[in-house]
Amino acid sequence: MSTTTAGHLIVDQLERAGIRRVYTVPGESFLDVLDGLHGSSIQNVVARQEGGAGFMALAEGRLTELPGVAMVTRGPGAANAFIAIHTAHQDATPMILFVGLIPVADRGRESFQEFDINAWFGSTAKKVVTLDDAASAARVVDDAIFTALSGRPGPVVIGLPEDVLVHVVEDATVAPRRGSSPEPSAAALAELEGRQAAACRPLIVVGGEGWTTESGEELAGWASRHGVPILADFRAYDAVPHRSDAYAGSLGYGRSDANAARLDEADLVLFLGCVRGDVLSDGYKRGLDAETIVVNADANLLGHFGRVDQHITADVSAFSAALAATNSAVRPDAGWFAGARADHLAFSAPQPDGGIGVDLGAAMEILTKEMDDDAVLTFGAGNHALWPARYLAHNSANSLAAPRNGAMGMGIPAAVAASLAYPGRQVISVAGDGCFMMNGQEIATAMGYGAKFIVLVVDNGIFATIREHQENHYPGRPSGTHMTNPDFAALARSYGGYGERVDRTEDFAAAFRRAVDSGLPALLHLPQDPATRSPKTSAN
């Protein structure tokens, strides 16, 4: 039997599991893993900051069938990556973070960059493990992948003491454990059919991970045949195709007033892949009285609030296929289904904003014509995200990477990962000026690895979401929300990408086509009236 080091065995196990990329910021604490990646089939994508690397891994976990993998060093590196772990935890997204650690003998002595990995990550990861036994390296990696994907998906953090990594071990990977996709039982489906048959105003709310184009089409087809509207949880807009007449828009921040009322008026709500959380329910206030069915692979229903009349432990794809095969006698009230779709079409029709600079409503209307049907959208957090969330359609699975926990700075790293995961698909990122500046340096990573995307930087010179809150609670007293911004187009060009400033709405379409034709990571700098801040709400 041949031998290797624990660090090299980690890489071998990741290869055997089918991991295609890891996102790293190098550190001396995990040199042996970096050495194992030399010549590996796994692409080592070197990011410019650990937060960017973490968000890239999170986006990969969101958009593909395996967890995204990031590798960072101890102390400061782990601190920078923490934002991605918190996001993966709250978003229920599979991800693995490897963190280099100090040597075992140096623990507890306030050594250089020492920190307590369990204390830091224990409350916001599914599992935290430190590799103290070099011989178990392959098993620990396999367990991390299985844990990240099983049940309610989430992040796993693995600590790697630098001295343990160089221990010589048996060169033997383990067969990857494959998680099951729990299917609904016949009895559960029969009970569900009975509940649906008695409902006058049924509603389906979709969200979470694991959706495929096939499962989204199956669910939408069933809902269309039976007259049941489908709403999407916050930033889970790509679960079902928007072209379906069953799709009626979203809940959460930026939702229409019509959908908020619809959640209250429903007499039966089926949550599929998601739960009734605070954002979806406007702070635990809406949809509380309806008969409630939750279909979720998480047996504990973490984050669910309020009544549960039936819980079906099932994978979203397995459930959608099983439901599509049934012929439930669902007979909603006249107008319930058509009204939901009509309200959505009215709300999602772009409207002029009327401010100075580029009119984002008009820009979104142009994008609907210029976007490929399977384009991947990415954005971070802030008012800029209200425009693409409201106006841009998703008709393919795995076409949205955005933080459900409201973490700023994800849009650009997610665009890098999306382009690398799907090199044949168009990738578009919409970024606020504040959000872009948090991880905009990852355009350098895009240049280094051939990632291509177009980012629209909405520049209004303020942290618009917070300014809105200030004006609601402290009118006329703005504080700490002004920004001084660079020339974003010039910044993109300095990285070697394409950059162009667009000052007028009528110039946007041609500028977008020039960005596409450049074949480079491209940035369009869109100045916006700071008084606009969000789409008009007249269609609410």
Protein backbone atom coordinates (compact mmCIF):
# COMPACT_ATOMS: atom_id res chain seq x y z
CA MET A 1 0.00 0.00 0.00
CA SER A 2 1.43 3.40 -1.01
CA THR A 3 1.57 6.36 1.34
CA THR A 4 0.92 10.08 1.05
CA THR A 5 0.39 13.03 3.35
CA ALA A 6 -2.90 14.03 4.95
CA GLY A 7 -2.93 17.24 2.92
CA HIS A 8 -2.58 15.38 -0.36
CA LEU A 9 -5.19 12.83 0.71
CA ILE A 10 -7.69 15.64 1.26
CA VAL A 11 -7.23 16.66 -2.35
CA ASP A 12 -7.51 13.07 -3.56
CA GLN A 13 -10.80 12.65 -1.71
CA LEU A 14 -12.19 15.87 -3.14
CA GLU A 15 -11.26 14.61 -6.61
CA ARG A 16 -13.00 11.30 -5.98
CA ALA A 17 -16.13 13.14 -4.85
CA GLY A 18 -16.26 15.02 -8.15
CA ILE A 19 -15.29 18.47 -6.87
CA ARG A 20 -14.20 20.50 -9.88
CA ARG A 21 -13.01 23.74 -8.28
CA VAL A 22 -11.85 25.09 -4.96
CA TYR A 23 -11.72 28.78 -4.13
CA THR A 24 -8.74 29.81 -2.07
CA VAL A 25 -6.67 32.58 -0.58
CA PRO A 26 -3.33 30.90 0.14
CA GLY A 27 -1.88 30.66 3.62
CA GLU A 28 1.19 29.05 5.17
CA SER A 29 -1.08 27.06 7.46
CA PHE A 30 -2.25 24.69 4.69
CA LEU A 31 0.74 24.53 2.37
CA ASP A 32 0.52 20.75 2.02
CA VAL A 33 -3.04 20.99 0.67
CA LEU A 34 -1.92 23.65 -1.79
CA ASP A 35 0.91 21.34 -2.83
CA GLY A 36 -1.63 18.56 -3.34
CA LEU A 37 -3.59 20.82 -5.67
CA HIS A 38 -0.48 21.26 -7.83
CA GLY A 39 -1.17 19.07 -10.85
CA SER A 40 -4.59 18.05 -9.52
CA SER A 41 -7.65 17.80 -11.76
CA ILE A 42 -9.28 20.29 -9.38
CA GLN A 43 -8.94 23.89 -10.49
CA ASN A 44 -7.56 26.10 -7.74
CA VAL A 45 -9.26 29.48 -8.20
CA VAL A 46 -7.23 32.00 -6.22
CA ALA A 47 -9.42 34.85 -5.00
CA ARG A 48 -8.29 38.26 -3.79
CA GLN A 49 -9.96 38.19 -0.39
CA GLU A 50 -11.35 35.40 1.77
CA GLY A 51 -14.85 36.87 1.73
CA GLY A 52 -14.77 36.68 -2.05
CA ALA A 53 -13.51 33.10 -1.99
CA GLY A 54 -16.25 32.14 0.44
CA PHE A 55 -18.98 33.74 -1.66
CA MET A 56 -17.65 32.00 -4.77
CA ALA A 57 -17.89 28.66 -3.00
CA LEU A 58 -21.38 29.51 -1.75
CA ALA A 59 -22.52 30.37 -5.28
CA GLU A 60 -21.07 27.10 -6.59
CA GLY A 61 -23.02 25.23 -3.93
CA ARG A 62 -26.17 27.13 -4.90
CA LEU A 63 -25.82 26.56 -8.64
CA THR A 64 -24.48 22.99 -8.86
CA GLU A 65 -25.15 19.57 -7.39
CA LEU A 66 -22.14 19.51 -5.03
CA PRO A 67 -21.06 21.78 -2.17
CA GLY A 68 -18.82 24.69 -3.04
CA VAL A 69 -15.38 24.46 -1.43
CA ALA A 70 -13.27 27.31 -0.06
CA MET A 71 -9.87 27.19 1.64
CA VAL A 72 -8.48 29.96 3.84
CA THR A 73 -5.89 30.42 6.51
CA ARG A 74 -6.25 30.78 10.29
CA GLY A 75 -7.31 33.83 12.30
CA PRO A 76 -7.72 36.80 9.95
CA GLY A 77 -8.42 34.59 6.94
CA ALA A 78 -11.12 32.69 8.79
CA ALA A 79 -12.61 35.97 10.02
CA ASN A 80 -12.93 37.27 6.47
CA ALA A 81 -14.58 34.03 5.33
CA PHE A 82 -17.10 34.03 8.17
CA ILE A 83 -19.63 36.07 6.17
CA ALA A 84 -19.98 33.26 3.64
CA ILE A 85 -20.55 30.67 6.36
CA HIS A 86 -23.25 32.79 7.96
CA THR A 87 -24.89 33.23 4.56
CA ALA A 88 -24.68 29.52 3.72
CA HIS A 89 -26.19 28.69 7.11
CA GLN A 90 -29.14 31.07 6.86
CA ASP A 91 -29.65 30.34 3.16
CA ALA A 92 -29.41 26.54 3.71
CA THR A 93 -26.77 26.19 0.99
CA PRO A 94 -24.20 23.35 0.91
CA MET A 95 -20.64 24.59 1.35
CA ILE A 96 -17.35 23.42 2.87
CA LEU A 97 -14.73 25.72 4.34
CA PHE A 98 -11.25 24.38 5.05
CA VAL A 99 -9.34 26.54 7.53
CA GLY A 100 -5.63 26.16 8.16
CA LEU A 101 -4.77 26.14 11.87
CA ILE A 102 -1.71 26.55 14.07
CA PRO A 103 0.30 23.43 14.99
CA VAL A 104 -1.30 21.24 17.66
CA ALA A 105 1.48 21.88 20.19
CA ASP A 106 0.95 25.66 19.94
CA ARG A 107 -2.68 25.60 21.02
CA GLY A 108 -3.79 27.55 24.06
CA ARG A 109 -0.69 29.74 24.12
CA GLU A 110 -2.06 32.79 22.29
CA SER A 111 0.02 31.78 19.30
CA PHE A 112 0.25 33.81 16.12
CA GLN A 113 -3.24 33.98 14.52
CA GLU A 114 -4.66 31.46 17.00
CA PHE A 115 -8.43 31.34 17.42
CA ASP A 116 -11.06 28.89 18.64
CA ILE A 117 -12.64 27.43 15.51
CA ASN A 118 -15.51 25.82 17.40
CA ALA A 119 -16.38 29.01 19.27
CA TRP A 120 -16.31 31.04 16.08
CA PHE A 121 -18.24 28.75 13.78
CA GLY A 122 -20.12 26.44 16.14
CA SER A 123 -23.34 28.44 16.12
CA THR A 124 -23.54 29.02 12.38
CA ALA A 125 -22.34 25.81 10.70
CA LYS A 126 -23.91 22.37 10.49
CA LYS A 127 -20.70 20.82 11.74
CA VAL A 128 -17.23 21.97 12.80
CA VAL A 129 -14.43 19.38 12.76
CA THR A 130 -10.71 19.66 13.42
CA LEU A 131 -8.49 17.12 11.68
CA ASP A 132 -6.38 15.95 14.62
CA ASP A 133 -6.05 12.40 13.26
CA ALA A 134 -4.23 12.50 9.91
CA ALA A 135 -5.33 8.97 9.04
CA SER A 136 -8.97 10.06 9.00
CA ALA A 137 -8.48 12.80 6.39
CA ALA A 138 -10.42 11.06 3.62
CA ARG A 139 -13.27 10.06 5.92
CA VAL A 140 -13.57 13.58 7.33
CA VAL A 141 -13.81 15.09 3.84
CA ASP A 142 -16.39 12.54 2.76
CA ASP A 143 -18.46 13.14 5.90
CA ALA A 144 -18.33 16.89 5.32
CA ILE A 145 -19.71 16.57 1.79
CA PHE A 146 -22.45 14.21 2.96
CA THR A 147 -23.38 16.48 5.87
CA ALA A 148 -23.44 19.63 3.76
CA LEU A 149 -25.87 18.05 1.30
CA SER A 150 -28.12 15.96 3.54
CA GLY A 151 -31.31 17.06 5.24
CA ARG A 152 -31.34 20.83 5.46
CA PRO A 153 -28.22 21.76 3.44
CA GLY A 154 -25.62 24.00 5.00
CA PRO A 155 -21.95 24.74 5.62
CA VAL A 156 -19.35 22.46 7.21
CA VAL A 157 -16.07 23.86 8.55
CA ILE A 158 -12.92 21.71 8.75
CA GLY A 159 -9.90 22.88 10.71
CA LEU A 160 -6.51 21.75 9.40
CA PRO A 161 -3.58 21.96 11.86
CA GLU A 162 -0.55 22.62 9.69
CA ASP A 163 1.59 19.94 11.34
CA VAL A 164 -1.10 17.25 10.99
CA LEU A 165 -1.32 17.92 7.25
CA VAL A 166 2.23 16.68 6.64
CA HIS A 167 1.81 13.42 8.58
CA VAL A 168 2.33 10.39 6.34
CA VAL A 169 -0.79 8.24 5.99
CA GLU A 170 -2.06 5.36 3.91
CA ASP A 171 -2.91 6.58 0.42
CA ALA A 172 -6.51 5.43 0.37
CA THR A 173 -9.60 7.45 -0.40
CA VAL A 174 -13.04 6.24 0.64
CA ALA A 175 -16.08 5.61 -1.53
CA PRO A 176 -18.26 8.73 -1.40
CA ARG A 177 -21.46 8.34 0.55
CA ARG A 178 -24.46 9.22 -1.52
CA GLY A 179 -27.37 10.89 0.19
CA SER A 180 -30.89 9.74 -0.49
CA SER A 181 -33.67 11.84 -1.98
CA PRO A 182 -36.60 11.05 0.31
CA GLU A 183 -39.86 10.50 -1.52
CA PRO A 184 -43.34 11.18 -0.18
CA SER A 185 -45.24 8.11 0.91
CA ALA A 186 -48.52 7.10 -0.70
CA ALA A 187 -50.27 7.77 2.60
CA ALA A 188 -48.82 11.28 2.82
CA LEU A 189 -49.91 12.06 -0.74
CA ALA A 190 -53.40 10.74 -0.05
CA GLU A 191 -53.69 12.95 3.02
CA LEU A 192 -52.43 15.90 1.00
CA GLU A 193 -54.99 15.27 -1.73
CA GLY A 194 -57.77 15.32 0.83
CA ARG A 195 -56.62 18.64 2.21
CA GLN A 196 -56.28 20.13 -1.26
CA ALA A 197 -59.72 18.99 -2.30
CA ALA A 198 -61.27 20.88 0.62
CA ALA A 199 -59.43 24.13 -0.12
CA CYS A 200 -60.97 27.09 -1.93
CA ARG A 201 -57.88 29.30 -2.05
CA PRO A 202 -54.82 27.00 -2.14
CA LEU A 203 -51.34 28.40 -2.55
CA ILE A 204 -47.89 26.88 -3.11
CA VAL A 205 -44.74 28.65 -1.87
CA VAL A 206 -41.47 27.29 -3.29
CA GLY A 207 -37.89 27.82 -2.14
CA GLY A 208 -34.73 26.21 -0.90
CA GLU A 209 -32.19 24.13 -2.77
CA GLY A 210 -32.29 21.07 -5.03
CA TRP A 211 -34.52 22.38 -7.81
CA THR A 212 -33.91 21.25 -11.37
CA THR A 213 -35.46 22.45 -14.60
CA GLU A 214 -37.41 19.19 -14.73
CA SER A 215 -38.80 19.44 -11.19
CA GLY A 216 -39.73 23.09 -11.69
CA GLU A 217 -41.56 22.25 -14.92
CA GLU A 218 -43.35 19.31 -13.28
CA LEU A 219 -44.60 21.37 -10.37
CA ALA A 220 -45.63 24.29 -12.56
CA GLY A 221 -47.45 21.94 -14.91
CA TRP A 222 -49.44 20.37 -12.06
CA ALA A 223 -50.26 23.76 -10.57
CA SER A 224 -51.42 25.07 -13.94
CA ARG A 225 -53.69 22.08 -14.53
CA HIS A 226 -55.27 22.42 -11.09
CA GLY A 227 -55.44 26.18 -10.78
CA VAL A 228 -53.05 26.63 -7.85
CA PRO A 229 -50.86 29.78 -7.86
CA ILE A 230 -47.15 29.43 -7.04
CA LEU A 231 -45.21 32.08 -5.14
CA ALA A 232 -41.43 32.04 -4.61
CA ASP A 233 -39.71 32.57 -1.31
CA PHE A 234 -37.31 35.51 -1.06
CA ARG A 235 -34.46 35.05 -3.57
CA ALA A 236 -35.63 31.59 -4.60
CA TYR A 237 -37.05 33.00 -7.82
CA ASP A 238 -35.53 30.33 -10.07
CA ALA A 239 -37.35 27.32 -8.58
CA VAL A 240 -40.12 27.25 -11.22
CA PRO A 241 -40.23 28.80 -14.70
CA HIS A 242 -41.74 32.27 -14.80
CA ARG A 243 -43.26 31.61 -18.21
CA SER A 244 -45.78 29.28 -16.51
CA ASP A 245 -49.22 30.76 -15.91
CA ALA A 246 -49.00 29.27 -12.41
CA TYR A 247 -46.12 31.53 -11.37
CA ALA A 248 -47.45 34.56 -9.51
CA GLY A 249 -44.33 36.29 -8.21
CA SER A 250 -42.51 36.31 -4.90
CA LEU A 251 -42.78 37.00 -1.21
CA GLY A 252 -40.35 38.77 1.10
CA TYR A 253 -38.59 42.08 0.55
CA GLY A 254 -39.77 43.77 -2.63
CA ARG A 255 -42.94 41.66 -2.89
CA SER A 256 -46.18 43.15 -4.19
CA ASP A 257 -48.95 44.13 -1.85
CA ALA A 258 -51.19 41.78 -3.83
CA ASN A 259 -49.04 38.78 -2.91
CA ALA A 260 -48.88 39.80 0.73
CA ALA A 261 -52.68 39.89 0.76
CA ARG A 262 -52.83 36.60 -1.14
CA LEU A 263 -50.77 34.89 1.56
CA ASP A 264 -53.24 36.15 4.15
CA GLU A 265 -56.28 35.13 2.11
CA ALA A 266 -55.13 31.58 1.33
CA ASP A 267 -56.94 28.83 3.23
CA LEU A 268 -54.26 26.22 2.42
CA VAL A 269 -50.54 26.94 1.99
CA LEU A 270 -48.08 24.28 0.86
CA PHE A 271 -44.47 25.27 1.57
CA LEU A 272 -42.23 23.26 -0.74
CA GLY A 273 -38.51 23.32 0.03
CA CYS A 274 -38.86 26.32 2.33
CA VAL A 275 -40.53 27.26 5.61
CA ARG A 276 -42.62 30.15 6.89
CA GLY A 277 -39.81 32.39 8.09
CA ASP A 278 -39.73 36.03 9.06
CA VAL A 279 -38.86 37.56 5.67
CA LEU A 280 -41.46 35.53 3.79
CA SER A 281 -44.17 36.40 6.33
CA ASP A 282 -43.33 40.10 6.80
CA GLY A 283 -41.92 39.54 10.29
CA TYR A 284 -44.06 36.57 11.37
CA LYS A 285 -47.27 38.46 10.63
CA ARG A 286 -48.74 37.00 7.42
CA GLY A 287 -50.16 33.66 6.38
CA LEU A 288 -50.47 32.43 9.95
CA ASP A 289 -54.08 31.23 9.90
CA ALA A 290 -54.09 29.03 6.81
CA GLU A 291 -53.96 25.25 6.99
CA THR A 292 -50.27 24.54 6.51
CA ILE A 293 -48.42 21.72 4.76
CA VAL A 294 -44.63 21.76 4.77
CA VAL A 295 -42.68 19.56 2.36
CA ASN A 296 -39.05 19.69 3.37
CA ALA A 297 -36.14 17.29 3.73
CA ASP A 298 -35.32 18.89 7.09
CA ALA A 299 -37.03 16.77 9.72
CA ASN A 300 -36.61 19.59 12.27
CA LEU A 301 -38.07 22.35 10.07
CA LEU A 302 -35.48 24.80 11.32
CA GLY A 303 -36.78 28.36 11.00
CA HIS A 304 -40.45 27.49 10.53
CA PHE A 305 -42.93 29.62 12.42
CA GLY A 306 -46.57 28.87 13.18
CA ARG A 307 -48.89 25.97 12.53
CA VAL A 308 -48.00 22.78 10.71
CA ASP A 309 -50.95 20.54 9.87
CA GLN A 310 -48.92 18.10 7.79
CA HIS A 311 -45.17 17.67 7.40
CA ILE A 312 -43.94 15.57 4.50
CA THR A 313 -40.23 14.76 4.68
CA ALA A 314 -39.27 14.74 1.03
CA ASP A 315 -36.86 16.14 -1.51
CA VAL A 316 -38.33 18.87 -3.71
CA SER A 317 -37.62 17.00 -6.95
CA ALA A 318 -38.99 13.70 -5.66
CA PHE A 319 -42.10 15.42 -4.34
CA SER A 320 -42.71 17.38 -7.54
CA ALA A 321 -42.47 14.21 -9.61
CA ALA A 322 -44.85 12.37 -7.27
CA LEU A 323 -47.33 15.25 -7.21
CA ALA A 324 -47.26 15.57 -11.01
CA ALA A 325 -48.35 11.93 -11.25
CA THR A 326 -51.47 12.55 -9.12
CA ASN A 327 -54.79 13.88 -10.30
CA SER A 328 -55.96 15.71 -7.22
CA ALA A 329 -59.48 17.11 -7.20
CA VAL A 330 -58.41 20.70 -6.50
CA ARG A 331 -61.14 23.21 -7.33
CA PRO A 332 -60.14 26.73 -6.27
CA ASP A 333 -62.57 29.63 -6.20
CA ALA A 334 -63.17 31.25 -9.56
CA GLY A 335 -60.64 33.97 -10.21
CA TRP A 336 -58.12 32.85 -7.56
CA PHE A 337 -55.66 31.44 -10.10
CA ALA A 338 -56.12 33.95 -12.92
CA GLY A 339 -56.08 36.88 -10.54
CA ALA A 340 -52.75 35.85 -9.08
CA ARG A 341 -51.12 35.65 -12.49
CA ALA A 342 -52.65 38.93 -13.65
CA ASP A 343 -51.39 40.72 -10.55
CA HIS A 344 -47.89 39.35 -11.14
CA LEU A 345 -47.81 40.40 -14.80
CA ALA A 346 -48.86 43.92 -13.86
CA PHE A 347 -46.33 44.18 -11.05
CA SER A 348 -43.44 42.79 -13.10
CA ALA A 349 -44.00 45.05 -16.12
CA PRO A 350 -41.11 47.56 -16.00
CA GLN A 351 -42.15 51.14 -15.32
CA PRO A 352 -40.14 54.32 -15.85
CA ASP A 353 -38.60 55.65 -12.67
CA GLY A 354 -38.53 59.24 -13.84
CA GLY A 355 -35.29 60.29 -12.14
CA ILE A 356 -32.11 61.72 -13.55
CA GLY A 357 -29.43 59.36 -14.90
CA VAL A 358 -30.21 55.90 -16.21
CA ASP A 359 -33.80 54.78 -15.64
CA LEU A 360 -33.41 51.29 -14.19
CA GLY A 361 -36.97 50.33 -15.02
CA ALA A 362 -36.26 51.01 -18.69
CA ALA A 363 -32.88 49.25 -18.41
CA MET A 364 -34.57 46.14 -17.03
CA GLU A 365 -37.03 46.18 -19.93
CA ILE A 366 -34.09 46.21 -22.34
CA LEU A 367 -32.42 43.40 -20.42
CA THR A 368 -35.50 41.19 -20.79
CA LYS A 369 -34.89 41.36 -24.56
CA GLU A 370 -31.11 41.01 -24.42
CA MET A 371 -30.86 38.21 -21.83
CA ASP A 372 -30.53 34.58 -22.83
CA ASP A 373 -33.33 32.36 -21.56
CA ASP A 374 -30.91 30.45 -19.31
CA ALA A 375 -28.91 33.48 -18.16
CA VAL A 376 -27.59 33.38 -14.60
CA LEU A 377 -28.31 36.45 -12.48
CA THR A 378 -26.29 37.41 -9.43
CA PHE A 379 -26.59 40.26 -6.97
CA GLY A 380 -25.76 41.05 -3.41
CA ALA A 381 -27.88 43.01 -0.95
CA GLY A 382 -29.34 46.49 -1.20
CA ASN A 383 -32.05 48.42 -3.00
CA HIS A 384 -30.36 47.82 -6.35
CA ALA A 385 -31.52 44.20 -6.14
CA LEU A 386 -35.19 45.24 -6.14
CA TRP A 387 -35.10 45.92 -9.89
CA PRO A 388 -33.83 42.55 -11.15
CA ALA A 389 -35.86 40.67 -8.55
CA ARG A 390 -39.06 42.36 -9.71
CA TYR A 391 -38.56 42.72 -13.44
CA LEU A 392 -36.25 39.96 -14.71
CA ALA A 393 -37.61 36.47 -15.36
CA HIS A 394 -36.10 33.09 -14.56
CA ASN A 395 -37.00 30.19 -16.84
CA SER A 396 -34.12 27.83 -16.04
CA ALA A 397 -33.10 26.22 -12.79
CA ASN A 398 -29.84 27.30 -11.17
CA SER A 399 -30.13 30.77 -12.63
CA LEU A 400 -29.94 32.91 -9.49
CA ALA A 401 -27.16 33.34 -6.95
CA ALA A 402 -28.03 35.96 -4.36
CA PRO A 403 -27.87 36.01 -0.55
CA ARG A 404 -31.13 35.27 1.23
CA ASN A 405 -29.64 36.56 4.49
CA GLY A 406 -28.98 40.03 3.07
CA ALA A 407 -25.18 39.83 2.92
CA MET A 408 -23.60 42.60 0.86
CA GLY A 409 -20.69 41.85 -1.44
CA MET A 410 -21.83 38.54 -2.96
CA GLY A 411 -22.72 39.67 -6.47
CA ILE A 412 -19.28 39.84 -8.11
CA PRO A 413 -17.80 36.68 -6.51
CA ALA A 414 -21.02 34.83 -7.43
CA ALA A 415 -20.69 36.01 -11.02
CA VAL A 416 -17.13 34.63 -11.14
CA ALA A 417 -18.28 31.24 -9.83
CA ALA A 418 -21.33 31.15 -12.10
CA SER A 419 -19.22 31.78 -15.18
CA LEU A 420 -16.73 29.08 -14.22
CA ALA A 421 -19.48 26.56 -13.39
CA TYR A 422 -21.44 27.32 -16.58
CA PRO A 423 -18.99 28.71 -19.15
CA GLY A 424 -21.59 28.51 -21.91
CA ARG A 425 -24.23 30.57 -20.12
CA GLN A 426 -24.65 34.32 -20.02
CA VAL A 427 -23.98 35.76 -16.55
CA ILE A 428 -25.32 39.16 -15.49
CA SER A 429 -24.73 40.81 -12.14
CA VAL A 430 -26.56 43.86 -10.81
CA ALA A 431 -24.58 45.64 -8.12
CA GLY A 432 -25.14 48.67 -5.96
CA ASP A 433 -22.20 51.02 -5.54
CA GLY A 434 -21.83 50.03 -1.88
CA CYS A 435 -22.23 46.32 -2.57
CA PHE A 436 -19.78 46.38 -5.48
CA MET A 437 -17.04 48.03 -3.45
CA MET A 438 -17.09 45.21 -0.89
CA ASN A 439 -15.80 42.55 -3.30
CA GLY A 440 -15.42 44.27 -6.66
CA GLN A 441 -11.73 43.37 -6.62
CA GLU A 442 -12.74 39.85 -7.66
CA ILE A 443 -12.87 41.14 -11.23
CA ALA A 444 -9.13 40.44 -11.04
CA THR A 445 -9.97 36.80 -10.31
CA ALA A 446 -12.31 36.75 -13.29
CA MET A 447 -9.53 38.04 -15.52
CA GLY A 448 -7.12 35.42 -14.22
CA TYR A 449 -9.42 32.45 -14.87
CA GLY A 450 -11.35 33.46 -17.97
CA ALA A 451 -14.68 34.14 -16.25
CA LYS A 452 -17.00 36.37 -18.27
CA PHE A 453 -19.94 38.37 -17.01
CA ILE A 454 -21.56 41.76 -17.30
CA VAL A 455 -22.06 43.79 -14.15
CA LEU A 456 -24.32 46.82 -13.94
CA VAL A 457 -23.13 49.12 -11.17
CA VAL A 458 -25.96 51.31 -9.93
CA ASP A 459 -24.26 54.44 -8.59
CA ASN A 460 -26.43 56.70 -6.46
CA GLY A 461 -23.72 57.66 -3.95
CA ILE A 462 -25.60 56.42 -0.89
CA PHE A 463 -26.36 53.28 1.06
CA ALA A 464 -29.92 53.49 -0.24
CA THR A 465 -31.59 50.83 1.91
CA ILE A 466 -30.32 52.38 5.12
CA ARG A 467 -31.13 55.89 3.90
CA GLU A 468 -34.73 54.79 3.34
CA HIS A 469 -34.90 53.47 6.89
CA GLN A 470 -33.42 56.73 8.16
CA GLU A 471 -35.99 58.78 6.32
CA ASN A 472 -38.78 56.64 7.75
CA HIS A 473 -37.56 56.85 11.34
CA TYR A 474 -35.35 59.99 11.42
CA PRO A 475 -36.65 62.19 8.59
CA GLY A 476 -34.32 64.91 7.41
CA ARG A 477 -31.37 63.57 9.42
CA PRO A 478 -29.19 61.44 7.11
CA SER A 479 -26.17 60.07 8.95
CA GLY A 480 -23.41 57.74 7.83
CA THR A 481 -25.02 56.76 4.52
CA HIS A 482 -23.12 58.93 2.01
CA MET A 483 -20.41 57.41 -0.21
CA THR A 484 -17.58 58.81 -2.29
CA ASN A 485 -17.23 56.56 -5.31
CA PRO A 486 -14.52 55.92 -7.90
CA ASP A 487 -14.86 55.93 -11.66
CA PHE A 488 -16.23 52.40 -11.85
CA ALA A 489 -15.73 52.04 -15.61
CA ALA A 490 -12.09 53.08 -15.32
CA LEU A 491 -11.67 50.67 -12.43
CA ALA A 492 -12.92 47.78 -14.59
CA ARG A 493 -10.55 48.77 -17.37
CA SER A 494 -7.65 48.88 -14.92
CA TYR A 495 -8.20 45.17 -14.29
CA GLY A 496 -8.13 44.49 -18.03
CA GLY A 497 -11.90 44.21 -18.39
CA TYR A 498 -14.38 46.28 -20.35
CA GLY A 499 -15.74 49.41 -18.68
CA GLU A 500 -18.17 52.05 -19.90
CA ARG A 501 -20.12 54.83 -18.21
CA VAL A 502 -23.72 55.16 -19.37
CA ASP A 503 -25.34 58.47 -18.44
CA ARG A 504 -28.53 58.28 -20.49
CA THR A 505 -31.22 55.63 -20.63
CA GLU A 506 -31.35 55.75 -24.42
CA ASP A 507 -27.67 54.72 -24.59
CA PHE A 508 -28.05 51.64 -22.41
CA ALA A 509 -29.02 49.06 -25.05
CA ALA A 510 -26.06 49.79 -27.32
CA ALA A 511 -23.69 49.88 -24.36
CA PHE A 512 -24.93 46.51 -23.16
CA ARG A 513 -24.33 44.97 -26.58
CA ARG A 514 -20.82 46.44 -26.65
CA ALA A 515 -20.18 44.87 -23.24
CA VAL A 516 -21.37 41.48 -24.52
CA ASP A 517 -19.27 41.78 -27.67
CA SER A 518 -16.14 42.61 -25.68
CA GLY A 519 -15.79 38.98 -24.58
CA LEU A 520 -14.38 40.26 -21.28
CA PRO A 521 -15.61 40.73 -17.75
CA ALA A 522 -17.54 43.91 -18.45
CA LEU A 523 -18.87 46.71 -16.27
CA LEU A 524 -21.45 49.33 -17.12
CA HIS A 525 -21.42 52.27 -14.72
CA LEU A 526 -24.99 53.55 -14.35
CA PRO A 527 -25.36 56.82 -12.41
CA GLN A 528 -28.77 57.02 -10.76
CA ASP A 529 -30.77 59.73 -9.09
CA PRO A 530 -30.22 59.19 -5.33
CA ALA A 531 -33.84 60.19 -4.75
CA THR A 532 -35.13 57.19 -6.74
CA ARG A 533 -33.77 54.38 -4.58
CA SER A 534 -36.39 51.74 -5.50
CA PRO A 535 -38.88 50.88 -8.25
CA LYS A 536 -42.15 52.72 -8.32
CA THR A 537 -44.91 50.92 -6.47
CA SER A 538 -47.95 52.03 -8.44
CA ALA A 539 -48.56 48.45 -9.61
CA ASN A 540 -48.81 47.20 -6.03
